[in-house]
Amino acid sequence: MRVVIGEDLYLLREGLVHLLRAHGFTIVAAVESGPELLKAMLDERPDVSIVDVRLPPTFTDEGLQAALEARRKVPGLPVLVLSQHVEQLYARELLADGSGGVGYLLKDRVFNADQFVDALRRVAEGGTAMDPEVIAKLLASNARNEPLGRLTPREREVLSLMAEGRSNAAIAQRLFLSESAVGKHTANIFAKLDLAPSDDDNRRVLAVLAYLNAS
């Protein structure tokens, strides 16, 4: 699996290179600035890119802007954001097209290599890998929108876990519910948000996130 890394901190960048190589990934580019990242993503067309939000030259939003521009030119190009902060505006924009292959993890909440590698593979395969804190903030920022406001507290819990990329079985285990109960909650969520259910968990999660983004 071919990977591009955009990270300005040398030790973290090199650490990611060594970690991923040890897990069988091929690093096709490891760069430290926004312009370099955009070029690498477009030239290499990697299976997935790891992107820090704030990169040189201004350390504001170069990483996210590079990722967004690359996905505009290559729809669905997989991107996993690895940041210290929840950038709500950019998270929404990244999720808006609903084409899949998107992740957003917080650096201080990645607790082991297996967790990170699993998230990276999920994004590369067109799925989602969202930190619960990112989802919570996106949901909170949309809480006053009427369609989302129709959801019960339990449905909001289910929606949050769906947005992390979890299956109905995983949600049931997490919330101590039966799978049939989760299925009913999921059907209610789609009905209240005017979204057609899908057999593809990743597409349905992206549909919900895209809806929240557009609200």
N, C-alpha and C. Protein backbone atom coordinates (compact mmCIF):
# COMPACT_ATOMS: atom_id res chain seq x y z
N MET A 1 0.85 -1.19 0.00
CA MET A 1 0.00 0.00 0.00
C MET A 1 0.89 1.25 0.00
N ARG A 2 0.65 2.15 -0.92
CA ARG A 2 1.50 3.32 -1.12
C ARG A 2 0.97 4.51 -0.31
N VAL A 3 1.89 5.17 0.41
CA VAL A 3 1.50 6.23 1.34
C VAL A 3 2.31 7.50 1.10
N VAL A 4 1.63 8.65 1.16
CA VAL A 4 2.29 9.97 1.20
C VAL A 4 2.09 10.54 2.59
N ILE A 5 3.15 11.11 3.16
CA ILE A 5 3.09 11.72 4.49
C ILE A 5 3.39 13.20 4.38
N GLY A 6 2.52 14.03 4.96
CA GLY A 6 2.74 15.47 5.05
C GLY A 6 2.81 15.88 6.51
N GLU A 7 4.01 16.05 7.04
CA GLU A 7 4.22 16.37 8.46
C GLU A 7 5.49 17.20 8.59
N ASP A 8 5.38 18.36 9.26
CA ASP A 8 6.55 19.25 9.33
C ASP A 8 7.53 18.88 10.44
N LEU A 9 7.09 18.18 11.48
CA LEU A 9 8.00 17.81 12.57
C LEU A 9 8.84 16.61 12.15
N TYR A 10 10.15 16.80 12.13
CA TYR A 10 11.06 15.78 11.62
C TYR A 10 10.92 14.45 12.34
N LEU A 11 10.95 14.49 13.67
CA LEU A 11 10.91 13.24 14.43
C LEU A 11 9.60 12.49 14.21
N LEU A 12 8.48 13.21 14.17
CA LEU A 12 7.19 12.56 13.94
C LEU A 12 7.12 12.01 12.52
N ARG A 13 7.61 12.80 11.57
CA ARG A 13 7.59 12.35 10.17
C ARG A 13 8.41 11.06 10.00
N GLU A 14 9.62 11.06 10.54
CA GLU A 14 10.48 9.89 10.43
C GLU A 14 9.91 8.71 11.22
N GLY A 15 9.28 9.02 12.36
CA GLY A 15 8.66 7.97 13.14
C GLY A 15 7.54 7.28 12.38
N LEU A 16 6.72 8.09 11.67
CA LEU A 16 5.65 7.53 10.85
C LEU A 16 6.21 6.67 9.72
N VAL A 17 7.29 7.14 9.11
CA VAL A 17 7.91 6.37 8.03
C VAL A 17 8.34 5.00 8.52
N HIS A 18 9.05 4.96 9.63
CA HIS A 18 9.55 3.68 10.16
C HIS A 18 8.40 2.78 10.63
N LEU A 19 7.41 3.37 11.29
CA LEU A 19 6.27 2.60 11.76
C LEU A 19 5.53 1.93 10.61
N LEU A 20 5.25 2.71 9.58
CA LEU A 20 4.45 2.18 8.48
C LEU A 20 5.24 1.17 7.65
N ARG A 21 6.52 1.42 7.47
CA ARG A 21 7.33 0.43 6.75
C ARG A 21 7.35 -0.90 7.50
N ALA A 22 7.39 -0.83 8.83
CA ALA A 22 7.39 -2.05 9.64
C ALA A 22 6.09 -2.83 9.49
N HIS A 23 5.02 -2.13 9.08
CA HIS A 23 3.72 -2.79 8.89
C HIS A 23 3.42 -3.06 7.41
N GLY A 24 4.43 -2.97 6.58
CA GLY A 24 4.28 -3.37 5.19
C GLY A 24 3.86 -2.30 4.21
N PHE A 25 3.79 -1.04 4.65
CA PHE A 25 3.42 0.06 3.76
C PHE A 25 4.66 0.53 2.97
N THR A 26 4.41 1.10 1.81
CA THR A 26 5.47 1.70 1.00
C THR A 26 5.32 3.22 1.07
N ILE A 27 6.34 3.91 1.55
CA ILE A 27 6.29 5.37 1.64
C ILE A 27 6.83 5.95 0.34
N VAL A 28 5.95 6.56 -0.44
CA VAL A 28 6.37 7.10 -1.74
C VAL A 28 6.82 8.55 -1.62
N ALA A 29 6.42 9.23 -0.54
CA ALA A 29 6.87 10.61 -0.30
C ALA A 29 6.60 10.96 1.16
N ALA A 30 7.56 11.66 1.76
CA ALA A 30 7.41 12.17 3.13
C ALA A 30 7.90 13.61 3.11
N VAL A 31 6.96 14.56 3.14
CA VAL A 31 7.28 15.97 2.90
C VAL A 31 6.89 16.82 4.09
N GLU A 32 7.34 18.08 4.10
CA GLU A 32 7.12 18.93 5.26
C GLU A 32 6.35 20.21 4.97
N SER A 33 5.95 20.46 3.74
CA SER A 33 5.24 21.70 3.44
C SER A 33 3.99 21.43 2.61
N GLY A 34 3.08 22.42 2.62
CA GLY A 34 1.85 22.29 1.85
C GLY A 34 2.06 22.11 0.36
N PRO A 35 2.86 22.95 -0.29
CA PRO A 35 3.09 22.78 -1.72
C PRO A 35 3.70 21.43 -2.07
N GLU A 36 4.64 20.96 -1.25
CA GLU A 36 5.25 19.65 -1.49
C GLU A 36 4.21 18.54 -1.36
N LEU A 37 3.33 18.69 -0.38
CA LEU A 37 2.30 17.68 -0.15
C LEU A 37 1.35 17.59 -1.33
N LEU A 38 0.87 18.72 -1.81
CA LEU A 38 -0.05 18.73 -2.95
C LEU A 38 0.59 18.07 -4.16
N LYS A 39 1.84 18.44 -4.43
CA LYS A 39 2.55 17.87 -5.59
C LYS A 39 2.69 16.35 -5.44
N ALA A 40 3.05 15.91 -4.24
CA ALA A 40 3.24 14.48 -4.02
C ALA A 40 1.93 13.72 -4.18
N MET A 41 0.84 14.28 -3.66
CA MET A 41 -0.45 13.61 -3.77
C MET A 41 -0.90 13.49 -5.22
N LEU A 42 -0.69 14.53 -6.00
CA LEU A 42 -1.13 14.51 -7.40
C LEU A 42 -0.19 13.70 -8.28
N ASP A 43 1.12 13.77 -8.00
CA ASP A 43 2.08 13.02 -8.81
C ASP A 43 2.04 11.53 -8.51
N GLU A 44 1.92 11.19 -7.23
CA GLU A 44 2.02 9.79 -6.82
C GLU A 44 0.68 9.06 -6.80
N ARG A 45 -0.43 9.81 -6.65
CA ARG A 45 -1.75 9.18 -6.52
C ARG A 45 -1.68 8.01 -5.52
N PRO A 46 -1.31 8.29 -4.26
CA PRO A 46 -1.10 7.20 -3.30
C PRO A 46 -2.41 6.52 -2.91
N ASP A 47 -2.27 5.37 -2.27
CA ASP A 47 -3.45 4.67 -1.75
C ASP A 47 -4.06 5.44 -0.59
N VAL A 48 -3.22 6.19 0.12
CA VAL A 48 -3.69 7.03 1.22
C VAL A 48 -2.61 8.05 1.57
N SER A 49 -3.04 9.22 2.00
CA SER A 49 -2.12 10.27 2.45
C SER A 49 -2.39 10.61 3.90
N ILE A 50 -1.32 10.79 4.68
CA ILE A 50 -1.42 11.23 6.06
C ILE A 50 -1.09 12.71 6.08
N VAL A 51 -2.01 13.53 6.56
CA VAL A 51 -1.90 14.98 6.41
C VAL A 51 -2.00 15.70 7.75
N ASP A 52 -1.00 16.50 8.06
CA ASP A 52 -1.10 17.41 9.20
C ASP A 52 -1.80 18.67 8.72
N VAL A 53 -2.56 19.31 9.59
CA VAL A 53 -3.32 20.49 9.20
C VAL A 53 -2.39 21.68 8.93
N ARG A 54 -1.49 21.93 9.86
CA ARG A 54 -0.67 23.14 9.80
C ARG A 54 0.74 22.82 9.34
N LEU A 55 1.03 23.25 8.11
CA LEU A 55 2.34 23.01 7.51
C LEU A 55 2.97 24.32 7.05
N PRO A 56 4.29 24.34 6.84
CA PRO A 56 4.92 25.53 6.25
C PRO A 56 4.33 25.80 4.87
N PRO A 57 4.35 27.06 4.41
CA PRO A 57 5.17 28.14 4.95
C PRO A 57 4.51 28.98 6.05
N THR A 58 3.21 28.95 6.22
CA THR A 58 2.58 29.86 7.20
C THR A 58 2.08 29.15 8.45
N PHE A 59 2.08 27.83 8.44
CA PHE A 59 1.62 27.04 9.59
C PHE A 59 0.18 27.37 10.00
N THR A 60 -0.67 27.57 9.00
CA THR A 60 -2.09 27.81 9.29
C THR A 60 -2.91 26.59 8.85
N ASP A 61 -3.19 26.51 7.56
CA ASP A 61 -4.04 25.41 7.10
C ASP A 61 -3.54 24.78 5.80
N GLU A 62 -2.23 24.91 5.55
CA GLU A 62 -1.69 24.42 4.27
C GLU A 62 -1.96 22.94 4.03
N GLY A 63 -1.83 22.14 5.07
CA GLY A 63 -2.04 20.71 4.90
C GLY A 63 -3.45 20.37 4.46
N LEU A 64 -4.44 20.97 5.13
CA LEU A 64 -5.84 20.72 4.76
C LEU A 64 -6.16 21.28 3.39
N GLN A 65 -5.63 22.45 3.08
CA GLN A 65 -5.88 23.04 1.77
C GLN A 65 -5.30 22.16 0.66
N ALA A 66 -4.11 21.60 0.92
CA ALA A 66 -3.50 20.71 -0.06
C ALA A 66 -4.36 19.46 -0.26
N ALA A 67 -4.85 18.91 0.85
CA ALA A 67 -5.69 17.72 0.76
C ALA A 67 -6.99 18.00 0.02
N LEU A 68 -7.62 19.13 0.33
CA LEU A 68 -8.86 19.49 -0.33
C LEU A 68 -8.66 19.71 -1.82
N GLU A 69 -7.57 20.40 -2.17
CA GLU A 69 -7.27 20.65 -3.58
C GLU A 69 -7.00 19.34 -4.32
N ALA A 70 -6.26 18.44 -3.68
CA ALA A 70 -5.97 17.15 -4.31
C ALA A 70 -7.25 16.35 -4.54
N ARG A 71 -8.17 16.38 -3.57
CA ARG A 71 -9.43 15.64 -3.73
C ARG A 71 -10.36 16.31 -4.75
N ARG A 72 -10.22 17.60 -4.93
CA ARG A 72 -11.00 18.26 -5.98
C ARG A 72 -10.52 17.78 -7.35
N LYS A 73 -9.21 17.60 -7.48
CA LYS A 73 -8.64 17.18 -8.77
C LYS A 73 -8.72 15.67 -8.96
N VAL A 74 -8.66 14.93 -7.85
CA VAL A 74 -8.76 13.47 -7.91
C VAL A 74 -9.84 13.05 -6.90
N PRO A 75 -11.11 13.09 -7.28
CA PRO A 75 -12.19 12.77 -6.34
C PRO A 75 -11.99 11.42 -5.66
N GLY A 76 -12.19 11.42 -4.35
CA GLY A 76 -12.07 10.18 -3.60
C GLY A 76 -10.67 9.81 -3.20
N LEU A 77 -9.66 10.64 -3.52
CA LEU A 77 -8.28 10.34 -3.13
C LEU A 77 -8.24 10.23 -1.60
N PRO A 78 -7.87 9.07 -1.05
CA PRO A 78 -7.97 8.86 0.40
C PRO A 78 -7.04 9.76 1.22
N VAL A 79 -7.60 10.35 2.27
CA VAL A 79 -6.85 11.27 3.13
C VAL A 79 -7.16 10.97 4.59
N LEU A 80 -6.11 10.82 5.38
CA LEU A 80 -6.25 10.69 6.83
C LEU A 80 -5.58 11.89 7.47
N VAL A 81 -6.39 12.76 8.07
CA VAL A 81 -5.86 13.93 8.76
C VAL A 81 -5.37 13.50 10.14
N LEU A 82 -4.17 13.93 10.49
CA LEU A 82 -3.60 13.65 11.80
C LEU A 82 -3.21 14.98 12.42
N SER A 83 -4.02 15.46 13.35
CA SER A 83 -3.87 16.82 13.85
C SER A 83 -3.88 16.87 15.37
N GLN A 84 -3.47 18.01 15.90
CA GLN A 84 -3.56 18.23 17.34
C GLN A 84 -4.88 18.86 17.73
N HIS A 85 -5.61 19.38 16.76
CA HIS A 85 -6.83 20.12 17.04
C HIS A 85 -7.98 19.67 16.14
N VAL A 86 -9.19 19.93 16.59
CA VAL A 86 -10.38 19.69 15.77
C VAL A 86 -10.68 20.95 14.98
N GLU A 87 -10.38 20.92 13.70
CA GLU A 87 -10.66 22.04 12.81
C GLU A 87 -12.03 21.78 12.17
N GLN A 88 -13.10 22.25 12.81
CA GLN A 88 -14.45 21.87 12.39
C GLN A 88 -14.77 22.26 10.95
N LEU A 89 -14.38 23.46 10.57
CA LEU A 89 -14.69 23.94 9.23
C LEU A 89 -14.09 23.02 8.18
N TYR A 90 -12.81 22.67 8.37
CA TYR A 90 -12.14 21.84 7.38
C TYR A 90 -12.61 20.39 7.43
N ALA A 91 -12.94 19.92 8.62
CA ALA A 91 -13.48 18.57 8.73
C ALA A 91 -14.76 18.46 7.92
N ARG A 92 -15.62 19.45 8.04
CA ARG A 92 -16.88 19.44 7.28
C ARG A 92 -16.60 19.48 5.78
N GLU A 93 -15.69 20.36 5.37
CA GLU A 93 -15.41 20.49 3.95
C GLU A 93 -14.81 19.22 3.38
N LEU A 94 -13.95 18.58 4.16
CA LEU A 94 -13.32 17.34 3.71
C LEU A 94 -14.36 16.24 3.54
N LEU A 95 -15.36 16.24 4.41
CA LEU A 95 -16.39 15.21 4.37
C LEU A 95 -17.51 15.52 3.38
N ALA A 96 -17.54 16.74 2.89
CA ALA A 96 -18.72 17.23 2.17
C ALA A 96 -19.03 16.47 0.90
N ASP A 97 -18.01 16.02 0.15
CA ASP A 97 -18.31 15.41 -1.14
C ASP A 97 -18.86 13.99 -1.01
N GLY A 98 -18.71 13.38 0.18
CA GLY A 98 -19.29 12.06 0.39
C GLY A 98 -18.68 10.96 -0.45
N SER A 99 -17.48 11.18 -0.98
CA SER A 99 -16.88 10.19 -1.88
C SER A 99 -16.07 9.13 -1.16
N GLY A 100 -15.94 9.24 0.14
CA GLY A 100 -15.26 8.20 0.91
C GLY A 100 -13.78 8.44 1.07
N GLY A 101 -13.13 7.51 1.76
CA GLY A 101 -11.69 7.59 1.95
C GLY A 101 -11.27 8.78 2.78
N VAL A 102 -11.91 8.98 3.95
CA VAL A 102 -11.61 10.15 4.78
C VAL A 102 -11.45 9.72 6.24
N GLY A 103 -10.43 10.27 6.89
CA GLY A 103 -10.24 10.04 8.31
C GLY A 103 -9.77 11.30 8.99
N TYR A 104 -10.04 11.39 10.29
CA TYR A 104 -9.58 12.56 11.07
C TYR A 104 -9.28 12.06 12.47
N LEU A 105 -7.99 11.94 12.78
CA LEU A 105 -7.55 11.49 14.09
C LEU A 105 -6.79 12.59 14.80
N LEU A 106 -6.88 12.59 16.12
CA LEU A 106 -6.14 13.55 16.94
C LEU A 106 -4.86 12.88 17.44
N LYS A 107 -3.75 13.59 17.30
CA LYS A 107 -2.44 13.01 17.61
C LYS A 107 -2.36 12.47 19.03
N ASP A 108 -2.92 13.21 19.98
CA ASP A 108 -2.76 12.78 21.37
C ASP A 108 -3.77 11.72 21.78
N ARG A 109 -4.59 11.25 20.80
CA ARG A 109 -5.57 10.21 21.12
C ARG A 109 -5.32 8.94 20.30
N VAL A 110 -4.17 8.88 19.64
CA VAL A 110 -3.74 7.64 18.99
C VAL A 110 -2.87 6.91 20.00
N PHE A 111 -3.40 5.80 20.52
CA PHE A 111 -2.76 5.17 21.68
C PHE A 111 -1.87 3.98 21.34
N ASN A 112 -1.99 3.43 20.13
CA ASN A 112 -1.11 2.31 19.78
C ASN A 112 -1.03 2.17 18.26
N ALA A 113 -0.03 1.42 17.81
CA ALA A 113 0.23 1.28 16.38
C ALA A 113 -0.92 0.56 15.67
N ASP A 114 -1.47 -0.47 16.30
CA ASP A 114 -2.55 -1.23 15.66
C ASP A 114 -3.76 -0.35 15.37
N GLN A 115 -4.10 0.52 16.32
CA GLN A 115 -5.23 1.44 16.14
C GLN A 115 -4.99 2.34 14.94
N PHE A 116 -3.78 2.88 14.84
CA PHE A 116 -3.47 3.80 13.76
C PHE A 116 -3.44 3.08 12.41
N VAL A 117 -2.78 1.94 12.36
CA VAL A 117 -2.67 1.19 11.11
C VAL A 117 -4.05 0.73 10.64
N ASP A 118 -4.90 0.31 11.56
CA ASP A 118 -6.25 -0.10 11.20
C ASP A 118 -7.02 1.07 10.59
N ALA A 119 -6.90 2.25 11.20
CA ALA A 119 -7.58 3.44 10.67
C ALA A 119 -7.06 3.78 9.28
N LEU A 120 -5.75 3.69 9.10
CA LEU A 120 -5.14 4.02 7.81
C LEU A 120 -5.63 3.08 6.72
N ARG A 121 -5.68 1.80 7.02
CA ARG A 121 -6.15 0.82 6.03
C ARG A 121 -7.63 1.04 5.71
N ARG A 122 -8.42 1.38 6.72
CA ARG A 122 -9.85 1.60 6.50
C ARG A 122 -10.06 2.77 5.55
N VAL A 123 -9.31 3.85 5.75
CA VAL A 123 -9.42 5.01 4.87
C VAL A 123 -8.96 4.67 3.45
N ALA A 124 -7.85 3.94 3.35
CA ALA A 124 -7.33 3.56 2.04
C ALA A 124 -8.34 2.72 1.26
N GLU A 125 -9.16 1.97 1.98
CA GLU A 125 -10.17 1.12 1.33
C GLU A 125 -11.47 1.86 1.05
N GLY A 126 -11.46 3.18 1.29
CA GLY A 126 -12.64 3.98 0.98
C GLY A 126 -13.58 4.20 2.13
N GLY A 127 -13.18 3.79 3.34
CA GLY A 127 -14.02 3.96 4.50
C GLY A 127 -13.73 5.23 5.28
N THR A 128 -14.21 5.27 6.51
CA THR A 128 -13.99 6.44 7.36
C THR A 128 -13.31 6.00 8.65
N ALA A 129 -12.56 6.92 9.23
CA ALA A 129 -11.92 6.68 10.52
C ALA A 129 -11.92 8.02 11.25
N MET A 130 -12.94 8.23 12.06
CA MET A 130 -13.11 9.52 12.71
C MET A 130 -12.93 9.39 14.22
N ASP A 131 -12.12 10.27 14.80
CA ASP A 131 -11.98 10.29 16.24
C ASP A 131 -13.32 10.69 16.86
N PRO A 132 -13.74 10.01 17.94
CA PRO A 132 -15.01 10.35 18.58
C PRO A 132 -15.12 11.82 18.98
N GLU A 133 -14.01 12.44 19.36
CA GLU A 133 -14.05 13.85 19.76
C GLU A 133 -14.36 14.74 18.57
N VAL A 134 -13.84 14.38 17.40
CA VAL A 134 -14.13 15.15 16.18
C VAL A 134 -15.62 15.04 15.87
N ILE A 135 -16.14 13.82 15.92
CA ILE A 135 -17.56 13.61 15.64
C ILE A 135 -18.43 14.35 16.64
N ALA A 136 -18.06 14.28 17.91
CA ALA A 136 -18.85 14.96 18.95
C ALA A 136 -18.94 16.45 18.68
N LYS A 137 -17.85 17.05 18.26
CA LYS A 137 -17.85 18.49 18.00
C LYS A 137 -18.65 18.83 16.75
N LEU A 138 -18.57 17.95 15.74
CA LEU A 138 -19.38 18.19 14.55
C LEU A 138 -20.86 18.08 14.86
N LEU A 139 -21.21 17.08 15.66
CA LEU A 139 -22.61 16.91 16.03
C LEU A 139 -23.08 18.07 16.90
N ALA A 140 -22.24 18.49 17.84
CA ALA A 140 -22.62 19.59 18.73
C ALA A 140 -22.82 20.88 17.96
N SER A 141 -21.98 21.10 16.96
CA SER A 141 -22.08 22.34 16.20
C SER A 141 -23.33 22.37 15.33
N ASN A 142 -23.93 21.18 15.09
CA ASN A 142 -25.14 21.08 14.29
C ASN A 142 -26.38 20.80 15.13
N ALA A 143 -26.23 20.84 16.44
CA ALA A 143 -27.32 20.40 17.32
C ALA A 143 -28.59 21.22 17.18
N ARG A 144 -28.47 22.47 16.76
CA ARG A 144 -29.66 23.33 16.66
C ARG A 144 -30.38 23.19 15.34
N ASN A 145 -29.78 22.43 14.40
CA ASN A 145 -30.47 22.25 13.13
C ASN A 145 -31.69 21.35 13.34
N GLU A 146 -32.80 21.72 12.76
CA GLU A 146 -34.05 21.03 13.04
C GLU A 146 -33.99 19.53 12.76
N PRO A 147 -33.49 19.05 11.59
CA PRO A 147 -33.50 17.61 11.35
C PRO A 147 -32.69 16.84 12.39
N LEU A 148 -31.52 17.33 12.72
CA LEU A 148 -30.70 16.66 13.72
C LEU A 148 -31.36 16.74 15.09
N GLY A 149 -32.06 17.83 15.33
CA GLY A 149 -32.73 17.99 16.61
C GLY A 149 -33.86 17.00 16.82
N ARG A 150 -34.29 16.32 15.76
CA ARG A 150 -35.35 15.32 15.88
C ARG A 150 -34.84 14.02 16.52
N LEU A 151 -33.53 13.83 16.53
CA LEU A 151 -32.98 12.58 17.03
C LEU A 151 -33.07 12.49 18.54
N THR A 152 -33.33 11.29 19.02
CA THR A 152 -33.32 11.05 20.46
C THR A 152 -31.87 10.96 20.92
N PRO A 153 -31.62 11.09 22.23
CA PRO A 153 -30.24 10.94 22.73
C PRO A 153 -29.59 9.62 22.31
N ARG A 154 -30.36 8.52 22.34
CA ARG A 154 -29.81 7.23 21.94
C ARG A 154 -29.47 7.21 20.45
N GLU A 155 -30.33 7.82 19.63
CA GLU A 155 -30.06 7.88 18.20
C GLU A 155 -28.82 8.71 17.91
N ARG A 156 -28.59 9.74 18.70
CA ARG A 156 -27.39 10.56 18.52
C ARG A 156 -26.14 9.75 18.89
N GLU A 157 -26.26 8.90 19.92
CA GLU A 157 -25.14 8.02 20.28
C GLU A 157 -24.83 7.07 19.12
N VAL A 158 -25.89 6.49 18.56
CA VAL A 158 -25.71 5.56 17.45
C VAL A 158 -25.09 6.28 16.26
N LEU A 159 -25.58 7.47 15.96
CA LEU A 159 -25.06 8.25 14.84
C LEU A 159 -23.58 8.56 15.04
N SER A 160 -23.20 8.93 16.25
CA SER A 160 -21.80 9.23 16.53
C SER A 160 -20.92 8.02 16.27
N LEU A 161 -21.38 6.85 16.71
CA LEU A 161 -20.59 5.64 16.51
C LEU A 161 -20.58 5.21 15.04
N MET A 162 -21.69 5.43 14.34
CA MET A 162 -21.72 5.17 12.90
C MET A 162 -20.66 6.02 12.20
N ALA A 163 -20.57 7.27 12.62
CA ALA A 163 -19.64 8.20 11.98
C ALA A 163 -18.19 7.82 12.21
N GLU A 164 -17.92 7.06 13.26
CA GLU A 164 -16.57 6.56 13.50
C GLU A 164 -16.23 5.43 12.53
N GLY A 165 -17.23 4.90 11.83
CA GLY A 165 -17.02 3.81 10.91
C GLY A 165 -17.37 2.45 11.48
N ARG A 166 -18.10 2.43 12.60
CA ARG A 166 -18.44 1.16 13.25
C ARG A 166 -19.64 0.49 12.59
N SER A 167 -19.63 -0.83 12.59
CA SER A 167 -20.74 -1.62 12.06
C SER A 167 -21.85 -1.68 13.10
N ASN A 168 -23.02 -2.16 12.68
CA ASN A 168 -24.13 -2.31 13.63
C ASN A 168 -23.75 -3.25 14.78
N ALA A 169 -23.01 -4.32 14.44
CA ALA A 169 -22.60 -5.27 15.48
C ALA A 169 -21.69 -4.60 16.50
N ALA A 170 -20.77 -3.77 16.01
CA ALA A 170 -19.84 -3.08 16.91
C ALA A 170 -20.57 -2.06 17.77
N ILE A 171 -21.55 -1.37 17.17
CA ILE A 171 -22.34 -0.40 17.93
C ILE A 171 -23.15 -1.09 19.01
N ALA A 172 -23.73 -2.22 18.65
CA ALA A 172 -24.52 -2.98 19.63
C ALA A 172 -23.67 -3.40 20.82
N GLN A 173 -22.45 -3.84 20.53
CA GLN A 173 -21.55 -4.25 21.61
C GLN A 173 -21.16 -3.07 22.48
N ARG A 174 -20.91 -1.95 21.85
CA ARG A 174 -20.48 -0.75 22.58
C ARG A 174 -21.59 -0.22 23.49
N LEU A 175 -22.83 -0.25 23.00
CA LEU A 175 -23.95 0.33 23.74
C LEU A 175 -24.76 -0.71 24.52
N PHE A 176 -24.30 -1.96 24.49
CA PHE A 176 -24.99 -3.05 25.20
C PHE A 176 -26.44 -3.19 24.71
N LEU A 177 -26.58 -3.18 23.39
CA LEU A 177 -27.89 -3.35 22.75
C LEU A 177 -27.84 -4.57 21.85
N SER A 178 -29.00 -5.01 21.40
CA SER A 178 -29.04 -6.06 20.40
C SER A 178 -28.81 -5.44 19.02
N GLU A 179 -28.37 -6.26 18.06
CA GLU A 179 -28.17 -5.75 16.71
C GLU A 179 -29.49 -5.28 16.10
N SER A 180 -30.57 -5.96 16.43
CA SER A 180 -31.87 -5.56 15.88
C SER A 180 -32.27 -4.18 16.41
N ALA A 181 -31.94 -3.91 17.69
CA ALA A 181 -32.25 -2.59 18.26
C ALA A 181 -31.44 -1.51 17.56
N VAL A 182 -30.17 -1.80 17.29
CA VAL A 182 -29.33 -0.83 16.57
C VAL A 182 -29.87 -0.62 15.17
N GLY A 183 -30.33 -1.70 14.54
CA GLY A 183 -30.91 -1.58 13.20
C GLY A 183 -32.12 -0.67 13.19
N LYS A 184 -32.95 -0.77 14.22
CA LYS A 184 -34.13 0.11 14.31
C LYS A 184 -33.71 1.55 14.52
N HIS A 185 -32.71 1.77 15.39
CA HIS A 185 -32.23 3.14 15.61
C HIS A 185 -31.67 3.71 14.30
N THR A 186 -30.93 2.89 13.57
CA THR A 186 -30.34 3.33 12.31
C THR A 186 -31.43 3.71 11.30
N ALA A 187 -32.45 2.89 11.21
CA ALA A 187 -33.56 3.18 10.29
C ALA A 187 -34.24 4.50 10.68
N ASN A 188 -34.42 4.71 11.98
CA ASN A 188 -35.03 5.95 12.46
C ASN A 188 -34.16 7.16 12.11
N ILE A 189 -32.84 7.00 12.26
CA ILE A 189 -31.92 8.09 11.95
C ILE A 189 -32.05 8.50 10.49
N PHE A 190 -32.01 7.51 9.61
CA PHE A 190 -32.11 7.82 8.18
C PHE A 190 -33.46 8.44 7.84
N ALA A 191 -34.50 7.95 8.46
CA ALA A 191 -35.83 8.50 8.19
C ALA A 191 -35.91 9.95 8.64
N LYS A 192 -35.40 10.25 9.84
CA LYS A 192 -35.47 11.61 10.36
C LYS A 192 -34.56 12.58 9.62
N LEU A 193 -33.47 12.04 9.05
CA LEU A 193 -32.54 12.90 8.31
C LEU A 193 -32.82 12.88 6.81
N ASP A 194 -33.92 12.19 6.44
CA ASP A 194 -34.30 12.11 5.02
C ASP A 194 -33.19 11.51 4.16
N LEU A 195 -32.58 10.46 4.68
CA LEU A 195 -31.50 9.77 3.96
C LEU A 195 -31.91 8.32 3.71
N ALA A 196 -31.69 7.87 2.49
CA ALA A 196 -32.03 6.49 2.16
C ALA A 196 -31.01 5.53 2.76
N PRO A 197 -31.44 4.49 3.46
CA PRO A 197 -30.50 3.50 4.00
C PRO A 197 -29.69 2.84 2.90
N SER A 198 -28.49 2.36 3.25
CA SER A 198 -27.62 1.67 2.30
C SER A 198 -27.02 0.45 2.98
N ASP A 199 -26.76 -0.59 2.19
CA ASP A 199 -26.11 -1.78 2.73
C ASP A 199 -24.62 -1.54 2.97
N ASP A 200 -24.08 -0.47 2.41
CA ASP A 200 -22.66 -0.15 2.57
C ASP A 200 -22.49 0.77 3.76
N ASP A 201 -21.91 0.26 4.84
CA ASP A 201 -21.75 1.06 6.06
C ASP A 201 -20.98 2.34 5.80
N ASN A 202 -19.92 2.26 5.00
CA ASN A 202 -19.11 3.45 4.77
C ASN A 202 -19.89 4.52 4.04
N ARG A 203 -20.64 4.11 3.02
CA ARG A 203 -21.41 5.10 2.27
C ARG A 203 -22.51 5.72 3.12
N ARG A 204 -23.11 4.94 3.97
CA ARG A 204 -24.19 5.51 4.79
C ARG A 204 -23.62 6.48 5.81
N VAL A 205 -22.47 6.17 6.37
CA VAL A 205 -21.84 7.09 7.31
C VAL A 205 -21.45 8.38 6.62
N LEU A 206 -20.87 8.25 5.45
CA LEU A 206 -20.49 9.45 4.71
C LEU A 206 -21.71 10.27 4.32
N ALA A 207 -22.80 9.60 4.00
CA ALA A 207 -24.03 10.32 3.67
C ALA A 207 -24.50 11.15 4.85
N VAL A 208 -24.46 10.54 6.05
CA VAL A 208 -24.88 11.28 7.25
C VAL A 208 -23.95 12.46 7.51
N LEU A 209 -22.66 12.22 7.40
CA LEU A 209 -21.70 13.29 7.64
C LEU A 209 -21.84 14.41 6.59
N ALA A 210 -22.05 14.01 5.35
CA ALA A 210 -22.25 15.02 4.31
C ALA A 210 -23.50 15.85 4.58
N TYR A 211 -24.55 15.18 5.09
CA TYR A 211 -25.75 15.90 5.43
C TYR A 211 -25.48 16.92 6.54
N LEU A 212 -24.78 16.47 7.59
CA LEU A 212 -24.45 17.37 8.68
C LEU A 212 -23.62 18.53 8.18
N ASN A 213 -22.72 18.24 7.28
CA ASN A 213 -21.84 19.26 6.74
C ASN A 213 -22.61 20.32 5.97
N ALA A 214 -23.64 19.85 5.26
CA ALA A 214 -24.40 20.78 4.42
C ALA A 214 -25.48 21.51 5.20
N SER A 215 -25.72 21.11 6.42
CA SER A 215 -26.83 21.69 7.16
C SER A 215 -26.55 23.13 7.56
